[in-house]
C-alpha cells in the first residue's frame, strides 16, 4: 500500500463531519489535480480560501499598474498578472495599446531592465504573500538603481483567515506550507486558541492527506493546536533572517483584498527610509487621479462569482460563466487566470 492509500484508509475510518479550509493556491492545485475531493468521505468538505496572491490582487491595484504603464514608465510584473482583469482591462491589453509592460520572473530581472534603461523609470509590480516579500526586501537592502521603484501589493495570510472566521462555517485550517517556511507556525496559534485545529502542510498529495488526518485526530481528541505537518521544509520558528529583512523594509498596514474588502493589518508598505523606491509615493499624483476617477464599491459583482469563491462560499460550477464565457484563455474573473486559482484548477483538472 502507498502512503496515500494508508492515509485514505485511516481517514475513511473516521465518520466525522468537518469543513476544512486551506488558504493556498498550490494546495488547491494538488487537491484538484488528484481528484482528492472525490475520494474523501462525503462528511469531509475541503474549502478553498483566498490563497492565491494573483486572485486577491484588487481591480484598483491593476488599474493603477495600467495607469503607470500608460504614463510612460516601464511596468514589470509576473506573467500571471498580465491577464488579471481590472475595471478597464488588463496589463496585457495595455501593452497591446502601446504601454511598455514586460513580464519578468523575479525582481532581479526587473532590476536588470532598469540598469539597461537608465533614462527610463522602471516599476516592479510586487505582489505575493509572506513568501515573496523577503525576496523583494533583500533586493531593497542590497540597493536599487535610482530609476527603479516597487508598487507593492504584498499581503499577509493570517489576518485574511481571521476575517473569514465570522463569515463562513469553518472547523479547521490547513496552513500554507510555503508561507510557514518564512513565518513559522506561530502566527496560526491564534486560531488554535479559538478552537480551530491547524496543520501546516506541504504540497504533495500525501502531504495534504496527512494534514487532514492530523486535523481529524485533533478533532477526536478534543485538543486544538498548531501542528507542523511539513517538517522537511518548515521550522516551527520559520526563517528568522527572512523575517528580519521584512521588518527592516516593510511596515504592516491595512490592505484591500479582491472579494474580501479592506482587512486591517493584512498588508505591507515600504518604510519611510526607503521612500525613494516606493512607487506609491513617487507616482502619487497618477495614483490619486486613478482612485478619484473610478469607484470600486461594487468589485466582483454581476455574474462573476470570484468574490464568493475566494471566501469559500461558492464553488466554480456555481458560476454561470465558468467554462463558458470564462476560461483560462478568456478569463472574466481573477480566479480563472493563475495556476493557483480555484476556477483555473477546476477547469483544468475536472475534464473541461
C-alpha atoms as a PDB file:
ATOM      1  CA  UNK A   1       0.000   0.000   0.000  1.00  0.00           C
ATOM      2  CA  UNK A   2       1.209   3.513  -0.772  1.00  0.00           C
ATOM      3  CA  UNK A   3       1.402   6.257   1.821  1.00  0.00           C
ATOM      4  CA  UNK A   4      -1.613   7.888   0.185  1.00  0.00           C
ATOM      5  CA  UNK A   5      -3.675   4.673   0.407  1.00  0.00           C
ATOM      6  CA  UNK A   6      -2.760   4.204   4.051  1.00  0.00           C
ATOM      7  CA  UNK A   7      -3.784   7.748   4.867  1.00  0.00           C
ATOM      8  CA  UNK A   8      -7.059   7.452   2.936  1.00  0.00           C
ATOM      9  CA  UNK A   9      -7.867   4.233   4.776  1.00  0.00           C
ATOM     10  CA  UNK A  10      -7.187   5.961   8.072  1.00  0.00           C
ATOM     11  CA  UNK A  11      -9.291   8.997   7.133  1.00  0.00           C
ATOM     12  CA  UNK A  12     -12.204   6.842   5.946  1.00  0.00           C
ATOM     13  CA  UNK A  13     -12.363   5.091   9.309  1.00  0.00           C
ATOM     14  CA  UNK A  14     -13.346   8.390  10.927  1.00  0.00           C
ATOM     15  CA  UNK A  15     -17.009   9.267  10.457  1.00  0.00           C
ATOM     16  CA  UNK A  16     -16.792  12.907  11.412  1.00  0.00           C
ATOM     17  CA  UNK A  17     -18.453  15.804   9.569  1.00  0.00           C
ATOM     18  CA  UNK A  18     -15.932  18.609   9.213  1.00  0.00           C
ATOM     19  CA  UNK A  19     -15.289  21.617   6.993  1.00  0.00           C
ATOM     20  CA  UNK A  20     -11.595  22.310   6.425  1.00  0.00           C
ATOM     21  CA  UNK A  21     -10.331  25.437   4.666  1.00  0.00           C
ATOM     22  CA  UNK A  22      -6.936  25.764   3.032  1.00  0.00           C
ATOM     23  CA  UNK A  23      -5.519  29.162   2.045  1.00  0.00           C
ATOM     24  CA  UNK A  24      -3.011  28.120  -0.584  1.00  0.00           C
ATOM     25  CA  UNK A  25      -3.363  28.005  -4.355  1.00  0.00           C
ATOM     26  CA  UNK A  26      -0.795  25.221  -4.600  1.00  0.00           C
ATOM     27  CA  UNK A  27      -2.843  23.121  -2.186  1.00  0.00           C
ATOM     28  CA  UNK A  28      -5.870  23.679  -4.401  1.00  0.00           C
ATOM     29  CA  UNK A  29      -3.890  22.588  -7.446  1.00  0.00           C
ATOM     30  CA  UNK A  30      -2.867  19.351  -5.676  1.00  0.00           C
ATOM     31  CA  UNK A  31      -6.393  18.671  -4.420  1.00  0.00           C
ATOM     32  CA  UNK A  32      -7.912  19.282  -7.863  1.00  0.00           C
ATOM     33  CA  UNK A  33      -5.199  17.502  -9.843  1.00  0.00           C
ATOM     34  CA  UNK A  34      -5.545  14.272  -7.879  1.00  0.00           C
ATOM     35  CA  UNK A  35      -9.330  14.429  -7.518  1.00  0.00           C
ATOM     36  CA  UNK A  36      -8.991  14.326  -3.752  1.00  0.00           C
ATOM     37  CA  UNK A  37     -12.469  15.656  -3.045  1.00  0.00           C
ATOM     38  CA  UNK A  38     -13.879  12.660  -4.926  1.00  0.00           C
ATOM     39  CA  UNK A  39     -12.099  10.106  -2.751  1.00  0.00           C
ATOM     40  CA  UNK A  40     -12.524  11.731   0.654  1.00  0.00           C
ATOM     41  CA  UNK A  41     -15.536  10.753   2.781  1.00  0.00           C
ATOM     42  CA  UNK A  42     -18.613  12.810   1.955  1.00  0.00           C
ATOM     43  CA  UNK A  43     -18.616  14.143   5.525  1.00  0.00           C
ATOM     44  CA  UNK A  44     -15.289  15.899   4.934  1.00  0.00           C
ATOM     45  CA  UNK A  45     -15.509  19.108   2.915  1.00  0.00           C
ATOM     46  CA  UNK A  46     -12.334  20.894   1.850  1.00  0.00           C
ATOM     47  CA  UNK A  47     -12.893  24.564   1.044  1.00  0.00           C
ATOM     48  CA  UNK A  48     -10.573  26.828  -0.901  1.00  0.00           C
ATOM     49  CA  UNK A  49      -9.903  30.214   0.702  1.00  0.00           C
ATOM     50  CA  UNK A  50      -8.065  33.332  -0.518  1.00  0.00           C
ATOM     51  CA  UNK A  51      -4.737  31.589  -1.004  1.00  0.00           C
ATOM     52  CA  UNK A  52      -3.866  32.801  -4.498  1.00  0.00           C
ATOM     53  CA  UNK A  53      -1.972  36.132  -4.473  1.00  0.00           C
ATOM     54  CA  UNK A  54      -2.835  36.849  -8.096  1.00  0.00           C
ATOM     55  CA  UNK A  55      -6.529  36.204  -7.388  1.00  0.00           C
ATOM     56  CA  UNK A  56      -6.755  38.585  -4.427  1.00  0.00           C
ATOM     57  CA  UNK A  57      -4.980  41.485  -6.136  1.00  0.00           C
ATOM     58  CA  UNK A  58      -7.688  44.109  -6.482  1.00  0.00           C
ATOM     59  CA  UNK A  59      -9.092  45.802  -9.545  1.00  0.00           C
ATOM     60  CA  UNK A  60      -7.860  49.111  -8.131  1.00  0.00           C
ATOM     61  CA  UNK A  61      -4.265  47.835  -7.993  1.00  0.00           C
ATOM     62  CA  UNK A  62      -4.481  46.503 -11.552  1.00  0.00           C
ATOM     63  CA  UNK A  63      -5.882  49.829 -12.731  1.00  0.00           C
ATOM     64  CA  UNK A  64      -3.058  51.730 -11.030  1.00  0.00           C
ATOM     65  CA  UNK A  65      -0.453  49.463 -12.642  1.00  0.00           C
ATOM     66  CA  UNK A  66      -2.075  50.068 -16.035  1.00  0.00           C
ATOM     67  CA  UNK A  67      -2.152  53.829 -15.437  1.00  0.00           C
ATOM     68  CA  UNK A  68       1.554  53.786 -14.526  1.00  0.00           C
ATOM     69  CA  UNK A  69       2.367  51.853 -17.679  1.00  0.00           C
ATOM     70  CA  UNK A  70       0.303  54.199 -19.847  1.00  0.00           C
ATOM     71  CA  UNK A  71       2.071  57.209 -18.296  1.00  0.00           C
ATOM     72  CA  UNK A  72       5.364  56.173 -19.855  1.00  0.00           C
ATOM     73  CA  UNK A  73       7.152  54.078 -17.247  1.00  0.00           C
ATOM     74  CA  UNK A  74       8.348  50.533 -17.936  1.00  0.00           C
ATOM     75  CA  UNK A  75       5.989  48.358 -15.874  1.00  0.00           C
ATOM     76  CA  UNK A  76       7.332  44.906 -14.940  1.00  0.00           C
ATOM     77  CA  UNK A  77       5.498  42.041 -13.266  1.00  0.00           C
ATOM     78  CA  UNK A  78       4.967  38.288 -13.237  1.00  0.00           C
ATOM     79  CA  UNK A  79       3.307  36.566 -16.178  1.00  0.00           C
ATOM     80  CA  UNK A  80       0.087  35.673 -14.350  1.00  0.00           C
ATOM     81  CA  UNK A  81      -0.546  39.331 -13.570  1.00  0.00           C
ATOM     82  CA  UNK A  82      -0.670  40.246 -17.252  1.00  0.00           C
ATOM     83  CA  UNK A  83      -4.176  38.895 -17.796  1.00  0.00           C
ATOM     84  CA  UNK A  84      -5.814  39.686 -14.446  1.00  0.00           C
ATOM     85  CA  UNK A  85      -8.810  41.935 -15.178  1.00  0.00           C
ATOM     86  CA  UNK A  86      -9.069  45.409 -13.721  1.00  0.00           C
ATOM     87  CA  UNK A  87     -12.041  47.700 -14.238  1.00  0.00           C
ATOM     88  CA  UNK A  88     -10.589  48.931 -17.544  1.00  0.00           C
ATOM     89  CA  UNK A  89      -8.933  45.833 -18.926  1.00  0.00           C
ATOM     90  CA  UNK A  90      -5.644  44.091 -18.162  1.00  0.00           C
ATOM     91  CA  UNK A  91      -1.929  44.797 -18.395  1.00  0.00           C
ATOM     92  CA  UNK A  92      -1.822  42.617 -21.499  1.00  0.00           C
ATOM     93  CA  UNK A  93      -4.406  44.849 -23.144  1.00  0.00           C
ATOM     94  CA  UNK A  94      -2.476  47.936 -22.059  1.00  0.00           C
ATOM     95  CA  UNK A  95       0.605  46.508 -23.773  1.00  0.00           C
ATOM     96  CA  UNK A  96      -1.373  45.992 -26.972  1.00  0.00           C
ATOM     97  CA  UNK A  97      -2.223  49.702 -26.793  1.00  0.00           C
ATOM     98  CA  UNK A  98       1.430  50.708 -26.688  1.00  0.00           C
ATOM     99  CA  UNK A  99       2.292  50.619 -22.972  1.00  0.00           C
ATOM    100  CA  UNK A 100       5.721  49.218 -22.122  1.00  0.00           C
ATOM    101  CA  UNK A 101       4.684  46.243 -19.972  1.00  0.00           C
ATOM    102  CA  UNK A 102       7.252  43.494 -19.536  1.00  0.00           C
ATOM    103  CA  UNK A 103       6.980  40.048 -17.973  1.00  0.00           C
ATOM    104  CA  UNK A 104       9.708  39.076 -15.504  1.00  0.00           C
ATOM    105  CA  UNK A 105      10.394  36.023 -13.369  1.00  0.00           C
ATOM    106  CA  UNK A 106      11.850  37.889 -10.399  1.00  0.00           C
ATOM    107  CA  UNK A 107      12.668  41.337  -9.070  1.00  0.00           C
ATOM    108  CA  UNK A 108      16.256  40.748 -10.239  1.00  0.00           C
ATOM    109  CA  UNK A 109      15.013  40.564 -13.839  1.00  0.00           C
ATOM    110  CA  UNK A 110      13.228  43.890 -13.326  1.00  0.00           C
ATOM    111  CA  UNK A 111      16.365  45.464 -11.846  1.00  0.00           C
ATOM    112  CA  UNK A 112      18.351  44.327 -14.898  1.00  0.00           C
ATOM    113  CA  UNK A 113      15.825  46.108 -17.125  1.00  0.00           C
ATOM    114  CA  UNK A 114      16.295  49.291 -15.074  1.00  0.00           C
ATOM    115  CA  UNK A 115      20.083  49.044 -15.375  1.00  0.00           C
ATOM    116  CA  UNK A 116      19.833  48.646 -19.155  1.00  0.00           C
ATOM    117  CA  UNK A 117      17.407  51.586 -19.451  1.00  0.00           C
ATOM    118  CA  UNK A 118      18.904  54.264 -17.154  1.00  0.00           C
ATOM    119  CA  UNK A 119      16.884  57.083 -18.759  1.00  0.00           C
ATOM    120  CA  UNK A 120      13.552  55.344 -18.144  1.00  0.00           C
ATOM    121  CA  UNK A 121      11.627  54.906 -14.929  1.00  0.00           C
ATOM    122  CA  UNK A 122      11.047  51.226 -14.183  1.00  0.00           C
ATOM    123  CA  UNK A 123       8.363  49.987 -11.769  1.00  0.00           C
ATOM    124  CA  UNK A 124       8.119  46.436 -10.430  1.00  0.00           C
ATOM    125  CA  UNK A 125       4.553  45.397  -9.559  1.00  0.00           C
ATOM    126  CA  UNK A 126       5.406  43.463  -6.391  1.00  0.00           C
ATOM    127  CA  UNK A 127       2.652  41.043  -5.438  1.00  0.00           C
ATOM    128  CA  UNK A 128       2.571  37.987  -3.200  1.00  0.00           C
ATOM    129  CA  UNK A 129       2.238  36.761   0.342  1.00  0.00           C
ATOM    130  CA  UNK A 130       4.905  36.337   3.006  1.00  0.00           C
ATOM    131  CA  UNK A 131       6.773  34.034   0.628  1.00  0.00           C
ATOM    132  CA  UNK A 132       7.837  36.665  -1.914  1.00  0.00           C
ATOM    133  CA  UNK A 133       8.102  39.689   0.379  1.00  0.00           C
ATOM    134  CA  UNK A 134      11.546  38.723   1.800  1.00  0.00           C
ATOM    135  CA  UNK A 135      12.998  38.428  -1.721  1.00  0.00           C
ATOM    136  CA  UNK A 136      11.937  41.983  -2.507  1.00  0.00           C
ATOM    137  CA  UNK A 137      13.112  43.177   0.905  1.00  0.00           C
ATOM    138  CA  UNK A 138      16.542  41.677   0.265  1.00  0.00           C
ATOM    139  CA  UNK A 139      16.763  43.480  -3.089  1.00  0.00           C
ATOM    140  CA  UNK A 140      15.913  46.813  -1.467  1.00  0.00           C
ATOM    141  CA  UNK A 141      18.517  46.273   1.257  1.00  0.00           C
ATOM    142  CA  UNK A 142      21.202  45.499  -1.369  1.00  0.00           C
ATOM    143  CA  UNK A 143      20.500  48.816  -3.058  1.00  0.00           C
ATOM    144  CA  UNK A 144      18.482  49.635  -6.163  1.00  0.00           C
ATOM    145  CA  UNK A 145      19.096  51.743  -9.298  1.00  0.00           C
ATOM    146  CA  UNK A 146      17.859  55.324  -8.944  1.00  0.00           C
ATOM    147  CA  UNK A 147      15.302  54.822 -11.722  1.00  0.00           C
ATOM    148  CA  UNK A 148      13.754  51.730 -10.100  1.00  0.00           C
ATOM    149  CA  UNK A 149      10.797  51.516  -7.710  1.00  0.00           C
ATOM    150  CA  UNK A 150       8.272  48.998  -6.422  1.00  0.00           C
ATOM    151  CA  UNK A 151       4.490  49.231  -6.479  1.00  0.00           C
ATOM    152  CA  UNK A 152       3.854  46.976  -3.501  1.00  0.00           C
ATOM    153  CA  UNK A 153       0.837  44.709  -3.143  1.00  0.00           C
ATOM    154  CA  UNK A 154       2.117  42.261  -0.539  1.00  0.00           C
ATOM    155  CA  UNK A 155      -0.490  40.641   1.698  1.00  0.00           C
ATOM    156  CA  UNK A 156      -0.360  38.666   4.948  1.00  0.00           C
ATOM    157  CA  UNK A 157      -2.431  35.487   5.205  1.00  0.00           C
ATOM    158  CA  UNK A 158      -3.332  35.157   8.939  1.00  0.00           C
ATOM    159  CA  UNK A 159      -5.420  38.385   9.024  1.00  0.00           C
ATOM    160  CA  UNK A 160      -7.378  37.159   5.990  1.00  0.00           C
ATOM    161  CA  UNK A 161      -8.089  33.851   7.718  1.00  0.00           C
ATOM    162  CA  UNK A 162      -9.228  35.764  10.790  1.00  0.00           C
ATOM    163  CA  UNK A 163     -11.564  37.887   8.677  1.00  0.00           C
ATOM    164  CA  UNK A 164     -13.246  34.779   7.266  1.00  0.00           C
ATOM    165  CA  UNK A 165     -13.987  33.077  10.571  1.00  0.00           C
ATOM    166  CA  UNK A 166     -17.102  35.133  11.227  1.00  0.00           C
ATOM    167  CA  UNK A 167     -18.302  34.901   7.615  1.00  0.00           C
ATOM    168  CA  UNK A 168     -18.335  31.169   6.955  1.00  0.00           C
ATOM    169  CA  UNK A 169     -18.768  27.963   8.933  1.00  0.00           C
ATOM    170  CA  UNK A 170     -15.258  26.507   9.231  1.00  0.00           C
ATOM    171  CA  UNK A 171     -13.991  23.812  11.604  1.00  0.00           C
ATOM    172  CA  UNK A 172     -10.270  23.664  10.869  1.00  0.00           C
ATOM    173  CA  UNK A 173      -7.497  25.107   8.706  1.00  0.00           C
ATOM    174  CA  UNK A 174      -4.673  23.771   6.571  1.00  0.00           C
ATOM    175  CA  UNK A 175      -1.924  26.391   6.820  1.00  0.00           C
ATOM    176  CA  UNK A 176       0.136  27.163   3.683  1.00  0.00           C
ATOM    177  CA  UNK A 177       3.467  25.383   3.830  1.00  0.00           C
ATOM    178  CA  UNK A 178       5.388  27.922   1.732  1.00  0.00           C
ATOM    179  CA  UNK A 179       4.231  30.808   3.950  1.00  0.00           C
ATOM    180  CA  UNK A 180       5.153  28.816   7.059  1.00  0.00           C
ATOM    181  CA  UNK A 181       8.694  28.302   5.747  1.00  0.00           C
ATOM    182  CA  UNK A 182       9.062  32.066   6.243  1.00  0.00           C
ATOM    183  CA  UNK A 183       6.890  32.963   9.247  1.00  0.00           C
ATOM    184  CA  UNK A 184       6.812  29.592  11.015  1.00  0.00           C
ATOM    185  CA  UNK A 185       3.687  28.115  12.569  1.00  0.00           C
ATOM    186  CA  UNK A 186       3.311  30.527  15.492  1.00  0.00           C
ATOM    187  CA  UNK A 187       1.183  33.154  13.647  1.00  0.00           C
ATOM    188  CA  UNK A 188      -1.528  30.492  13.364  1.00  0.00           C
ATOM    189  CA  UNK A 189      -1.590  29.798  17.095  1.00  0.00           C
ATOM    190  CA  UNK A 190      -4.347  32.383  17.482  1.00  0.00           C
ATOM    191  CA  UNK A 191      -6.712  30.108  15.548  1.00  0.00           C
ATOM    192  CA  UNK A 192      -5.893  27.091  17.696  1.00  0.00           C
ATOM    193  CA  UNK A 193      -6.585  29.248  20.749  1.00  0.00           C
ATOM    194  CA  UNK A 194     -10.013  29.976  19.258  1.00  0.00           C
ATOM    195  CA  UNK A 195     -10.762  26.233  18.944  1.00  0.00           C
ATOM    196  CA  UNK A 196      -9.673  25.536  15.356  1.00  0.00           C
ATOM    197  CA  UNK A 197      -7.228  22.704  14.620  1.00  0.00           C
ATOM    198  CA  UNK A 198      -4.446  23.933  12.319  1.00  0.00           C
ATOM    199  CA  UNK A 199      -1.860  21.897  10.418  1.00  0.00           C
ATOM    200  CA  UNK A 200       0.860  23.330   8.175  1.00  0.00           C
ATOM    201  CA  UNK A 201       1.013  21.151   5.068  1.00  0.00           C
ATOM    202  CA  UNK A 202       3.300  20.509   2.137  1.00  0.00           C
ATOM    203  CA  UNK A 203       2.184  20.200  -1.462  1.00  0.00           C
ATOM    204  CA  UNK A 204       2.275  16.530  -2.414  1.00  0.00           C
ATOM    205  CA  UNK A 205      -0.944  14.518  -2.277  1.00  0.00           C
ATOM    206  CA  UNK A 206       0.307  12.627   0.770  1.00  0.00           C
ATOM    207  CA  UNK A 207       1.102  15.946   2.492  1.00  0.00           C
ATOM    208  CA  UNK A 208      -2.480  17.166   2.106  1.00  0.00           C
ATOM    209  CA  UNK A 209      -3.917  13.806   3.204  1.00  0.00           C
ATOM    210  CA  UNK A 210      -1.576  13.800   6.196  1.00  0.00           C
ATOM    211  CA  UNK A 211      -2.793  17.246   7.238  1.00  0.00           C
ATOM    212  CA  UNK A 212      -6.423  16.099   7.029  1.00  0.00           C
ATOM    213  CA  UNK A 213      -5.608  13.000   9.094  1.00  0.00           C
ATOM    214  CA  UNK A 214      -3.829  15.133  11.720  1.00  0.00           C
ATOM    215  CA  UNK A 215      -6.798  17.512  11.878  1.00  0.00           C
ATOM    216  CA  UNK A 216      -9.195  14.596  12.420  1.00  0.00           C
ATOM    217  CA  UNK A 217      -7.003  13.300  15.239  1.00  0.00           C
ATOM    218  CA  UNK A 218      -7.208  16.705  16.906  1.00  0.00           C
ATOM    219  CA  UNK A 219     -10.981  16.785  16.486  1.00  0.00           C
ATOM    220  CA  UNK A 220     -11.350  13.349  18.059  1.00  0.00           C
ATOM    221  CA  UNK A 221      -9.032  14.136  20.969  1.00  0.00           C
ATOM    222  CA  UNK A 222     -10.651  17.482  21.698  1.00  0.00           C
ATOM    223  CA  UNK A 223      -7.273  19.239  21.564  1.00  0.00           C
ATOM    224  CA  UNK A 224      -6.782  22.155  19.208  1.00  0.00           C
ATOM    225  CA  UNK A 225      -3.184  23.018  18.453  1.00  0.00           C
ATOM    226  CA  UNK A 226      -0.984  24.151  15.573  1.00  0.00           C
ATOM    227  CA  UNK A 227       0.956  21.219  14.167  1.00  0.00           C
ATOM    228  CA  UNK A 228       3.783  21.116  11.665  1.00  0.00           C
ATOM    229  CA  UNK A 229       2.913  18.532   9.036  1.00  0.00           C
ATOM    230  CA  UNK A 230       5.724  19.710   6.753  1.00  0.00           C
ATOM    231  CA  UNK A 231       8.869  19.386   8.892  1.00  0.00           C
ATOM    232  CA  UNK A 232      11.132  18.652   5.931  1.00  0.00           C
ATOM    233  CA  UNK A 233      10.745  22.314   4.885  1.00  0.00           C
ATOM    234  CA  UNK A 234       9.146  24.197   7.796  1.00  0.00           C
ATOM    235  CA  UNK A 235      10.832  25.020  11.070  1.00  0.00           C
ATOM    236  CA  UNK A 236       8.433  25.974  13.841  1.00  0.00           C
ATOM    237  CA  UNK A 237      10.131  29.366  14.176  1.00  0.00           C
ATOM    238  CA  UNK A 238      10.318  29.874  10.398  1.00  0.00           C
ATOM    239  CA  UNK A 239      13.154  31.659   8.626  1.00  0.00           C
ATOM    240  CA  UNK A 240      14.224  34.280  11.144  1.00  0.00           C
ATOM    241  CA  UNK A 241      16.604  36.050   8.735  1.00  0.00           C
ATOM    242  CA  UNK A 242      13.805  36.482   6.193  1.00  0.00           C
ATOM    243  CA  UNK A 243      11.546  37.820   8.942  1.00  0.00           C
ATOM    244  CA  UNK A 244      14.219  40.331   9.966  1.00  0.00           C
ATOM    245  CA  UNK A 245      14.585  41.617   6.396  1.00  0.00           C
ATOM    246  CA  UNK A 246      10.831  42.043   6.061  1.00  0.00           C
ATOM    247  CA  UNK A 247      10.733  44.020   9.307  1.00  0.00           C
ATOM    248  CA  UNK A 248      13.636  46.212   8.142  1.00  0.00           C
ATOM    249  CA  UNK A 249      11.968  47.161   4.867  1.00  0.00           C
ATOM    250  CA  UNK A 250       8.211  46.965   5.424  1.00  0.00           C
ATOM    251  CA  UNK A 251       5.607  48.299   7.844  1.00  0.00           C
ATOM    252  CA  UNK A 252       2.401  46.365   8.468  1.00  0.00           C
ATOM    253  CA  UNK A 253      -0.555  48.237   7.003  1.00  0.00           C
ATOM    254  CA  UNK A 254      -4.193  47.767   6.082  1.00  0.00           C
ATOM    255  CA  UNK A 255      -4.738  46.202   2.666  1.00  0.00           C
ATOM    256  CA  UNK A 256      -7.526  45.652   0.189  1.00  0.00           C
ATOM    257  CA  UNK A 257      -8.260  42.100  -0.960  1.00  0.00           C
ATOM    258  CA  UNK A 258     -10.316  41.291  -4.023  1.00  0.00           C
ATOM    259  CA  UNK A 259     -13.612  39.896  -2.819  1.00  0.00           C
ATOM    260  CA  UNK A 260     -12.851  40.483   0.860  1.00  0.00           C
ATOM    261  CA  UNK A 261     -12.516  44.270   1.032  1.00  0.00           C
ATOM    262  CA  UNK A 262     -10.130  46.074   3.366  1.00  0.00           C
ATOM    263  CA  UNK A 263      -8.576  43.903   6.092  1.00  0.00           C
ATOM    264  CA  UNK A 264      -6.723  45.618   8.929  1.00  0.00           C
ATOM    265  CA  UNK A 265      -3.065  44.745   9.345  1.00  0.00           C
ATOM    266  CA  UNK A 266      -3.070  42.426   6.328  1.00  0.00           C
ATOM    267  CA  UNK A 267      -0.624  44.235   4.075  1.00  0.00           C
ATOM    268  CA  UNK A 268       2.910  45.536   3.840  1.00  0.00           C
ATOM    269  CA  UNK A 269       4.051  49.020   2.847  1.00  0.00           C
ATOM    270  CA  UNK A 270       7.581  50.290   2.266  1.00  0.00           C
ATOM    271  CA  UNK A 271       9.092  52.050   5.278  1.00  0.00           C
ATOM    272  CA  UNK A 272       9.890  55.763   5.066  1.00  0.00           C
ATOM    273  CA  UNK A 273      13.644  55.252   4.888  1.00  0.00           C
ATOM    274  CA  UNK A 274      13.190  53.510   1.527  1.00  0.00           C
ATOM    275  CA  UNK A 275      10.652  56.019   0.172  1.00  0.00           C
ATOM    276  CA  UNK A 276      12.896  56.843  -2.821  1.00  0.00           C
ATOM    277  CA  UNK A 277      11.923  53.454  -4.240  1.00  0.00           C
ATOM    278  CA  UNK A 278       8.234  53.461  -3.291  1.00  0.00           C
ATOM    279  CA  UNK A 279       6.190  53.886  -6.477  1.00  0.00           C
ATOM    280  CA  UNK A 280       3.099  54.732  -4.404  1.00  0.00           C
ATOM    281  CA  UNK A 281       4.860  57.931  -3.315  1.00  0.00           C
ATOM    282  CA  UNK A 282       6.885  58.666  -6.445  1.00  0.00           C
ATOM    283  CA  UNK A 283       3.801  58.494  -8.678  1.00  0.00           C
ATOM    284  CA  UNK A 284       1.320  59.753  -6.082  1.00  0.00           C
ATOM    285  CA  UNK A 285      -0.362  62.184  -8.500  1.00  0.00           C
ATOM    286  CA  UNK A 286      -1.062  59.444 -11.049  1.00  0.00           C
ATOM    287  CA  UNK A 287      -2.379  57.091  -8.379  1.00  0.00           C
ATOM    288  CA  UNK A 288      -4.564  59.742  -6.738  1.00  0.00           C
ATOM    289  CA  UNK A 289      -6.117  60.573 -10.101  1.00  0.00           C
ATOM    290  CA  UNK A 290      -6.818  56.919 -10.795  1.00  0.00           C
ATOM    291  CA  UNK A 291      -8.534  56.454  -7.417  1.00  0.00           C
ATOM    292  CA  UNK A 292     -10.649  59.585  -7.938  1.00  0.00           C
ATOM    293  CA  UNK A 293     -11.796  58.594 -11.404  1.00  0.00           C
ATOM    294  CA  UNK A 294     -13.034  55.075 -10.594  1.00  0.00           C
ATOM    295  CA  UNK A 295     -15.455  53.784  -7.957  1.00  0.00           C
ATOM    296  CA  UNK A 296     -14.619  50.370  -6.534  1.00  0.00           C
ATOM    297  CA  UNK A 297     -17.709  49.932  -4.379  1.00  0.00           C
ATOM    298  CA  UNK A 298     -19.008  47.017  -6.451  1.00  0.00           C
ATOM    299  CA  UNK A 299     -15.891  44.972  -7.125  1.00  0.00           C
ATOM    300  CA  UNK A 300     -16.575  41.456  -8.430  1.00  0.00           C
ATOM    301  CA  UNK A 301     -20.335  41.759  -8.535  1.00  0.00           C
ATOM    302  CA  UNK A 302     -22.573  40.960 -11.523  1.00  0.00           C
ATOM    303  CA  UNK A 303     -22.296  37.406 -12.896  1.00  0.00           C
ATOM    304  CA  UNK A 304     -18.717  36.676 -11.822  1.00  0.00           C
ATOM    305  CA  UNK A 305     -18.705  34.729  -8.544  1.00  0.00           C
ATOM    306  CA  UNK A 306     -14.986  35.127  -7.839  1.00  0.00           C
ATOM    307  CA  UNK A 307     -15.578  37.062  -4.612  1.00  0.00           C
ATOM    308  CA  UNK A 308     -17.650  34.270  -3.063  1.00  0.00           C
ATOM    309  CA  UNK A 309     -15.278  31.605  -4.395  1.00  0.00           C
ATOM    310  CA  UNK A 310     -12.362  33.342  -2.652  1.00  0.00           C
ATOM    311  CA  UNK A 311     -14.369  33.279   0.582  1.00  0.00           C
ATOM    312  CA  UNK A 312     -15.179  29.578   0.265  1.00  0.00           C
ATOM    313  CA  UNK A 313     -18.893  30.326  -0.013  1.00  0.00           C
ATOM    314  CA  UNK A 314     -19.288  29.011  -3.545  1.00  0.00           C
ATOM    315  CA  UNK A 315     -17.547  26.679  -5.969  1.00  0.00           C
ATOM    316  CA  UNK A 316     -16.601  27.415  -9.574  1.00  0.00           C
ATOM    317  CA  UNK A 317     -19.504  25.416 -11.010  1.00  0.00           C
ATOM    318  CA  UNK A 318     -21.886  27.706  -9.095  1.00  0.00           C
ATOM    319  CA  UNK A 319     -20.890  30.465 -11.530  1.00  0.00           C
ATOM    320  CA  UNK A 320     -22.883  30.817 -14.745  1.00  0.00           C
ATOM    321  CA  UNK A 321     -19.753  31.995 -16.580  1.00  0.00           C
ATOM    322  CA  UNK A 322     -17.496  29.106 -15.563  1.00  0.00           C
ATOM    323  CA  UNK A 323     -16.272  27.063 -18.520  1.00  0.00           C
ATOM    324  CA  UNK A 324     -18.391  29.084 -20.929  1.00  0.00           C
ATOM    325  CA  UNK A 325     -17.627  32.768 -21.227  1.00  0.00           C
ATOM    326  CA  UNK A 326     -14.898  32.452 -18.572  1.00  0.00           C
ATOM    327  CA  UNK A 327     -11.975  30.148 -19.458  1.00  0.00           C
ATOM    328  CA  UNK A 328      -8.186  30.354 -18.939  1.00  0.00           C
ATOM    329  CA  UNK A 329      -7.925  31.833 -22.444  1.00  0.00           C
ATOM    330  CA  UNK A 330     -10.673  34.394 -21.815  1.00  0.00           C
ATOM    331  CA  UNK A 331     -10.797  34.965 -18.031  1.00  0.00           C
ATOM    332  CA  UNK A 332     -13.561  37.145 -16.657  1.00  0.00           C
ATOM    333  CA  UNK A 333     -12.520  36.830 -13.024  1.00  0.00           C
ATOM    334  CA  UNK A 334      -9.107  36.622 -11.379  1.00  0.00           C
ATOM    335  CA  UNK A 335      -9.757  33.073 -10.090  1.00  0.00           C
ATOM    336  CA  UNK A 336      -9.511  31.766 -13.667  1.00  0.00           C
ATOM    337  CA  UNK A 337      -6.172  33.407 -14.506  1.00  0.00           C
ATOM    338  CA  UNK A 338      -3.496  31.935 -12.274  1.00  0.00           C
ATOM    339  CA  UNK A 339      -2.474  28.288 -11.965  1.00  0.00           C
ATOM    340  CA  UNK A 340      -3.217  28.771  -8.257  1.00  0.00           C
ATOM    341  CA  UNK A 341      -6.769  29.991  -8.849  1.00  0.00           C
ATOM    342  CA  UNK A 342      -9.612  27.635  -7.934  1.00  0.00           C
ATOM    343  CA  UNK A 343     -11.526  28.226 -11.181  1.00  0.00           C
ATOM    344  CA  UNK A 344      -8.395  27.622 -13.259  1.00  0.00           C
ATOM    345  CA  UNK A 345      -7.719  24.335 -11.483  1.00  0.00           C
ATOM    346  CA  UNK A 346     -11.295  23.110 -11.684  1.00  0.00           C
ATOM    347  CA  UNK A 347     -11.352  23.918 -15.389  1.00  0.00           C
ATOM    348  CA  UNK A 348      -8.044  22.163 -15.994  1.00  0.00           C
ATOM    349  CA  UNK A 349      -8.484  19.050 -13.869  1.00  0.00           C
ATOM    350  CA  UNK A 350     -12.203  18.332 -13.931  1.00  0.00           C
ATOM    351  CA  UNK A 351     -12.405  17.446 -17.592  1.00  0.00           C
ATOM    352  CA  UNK A 352     -13.494  20.802 -19.039  1.00  0.00           C
END
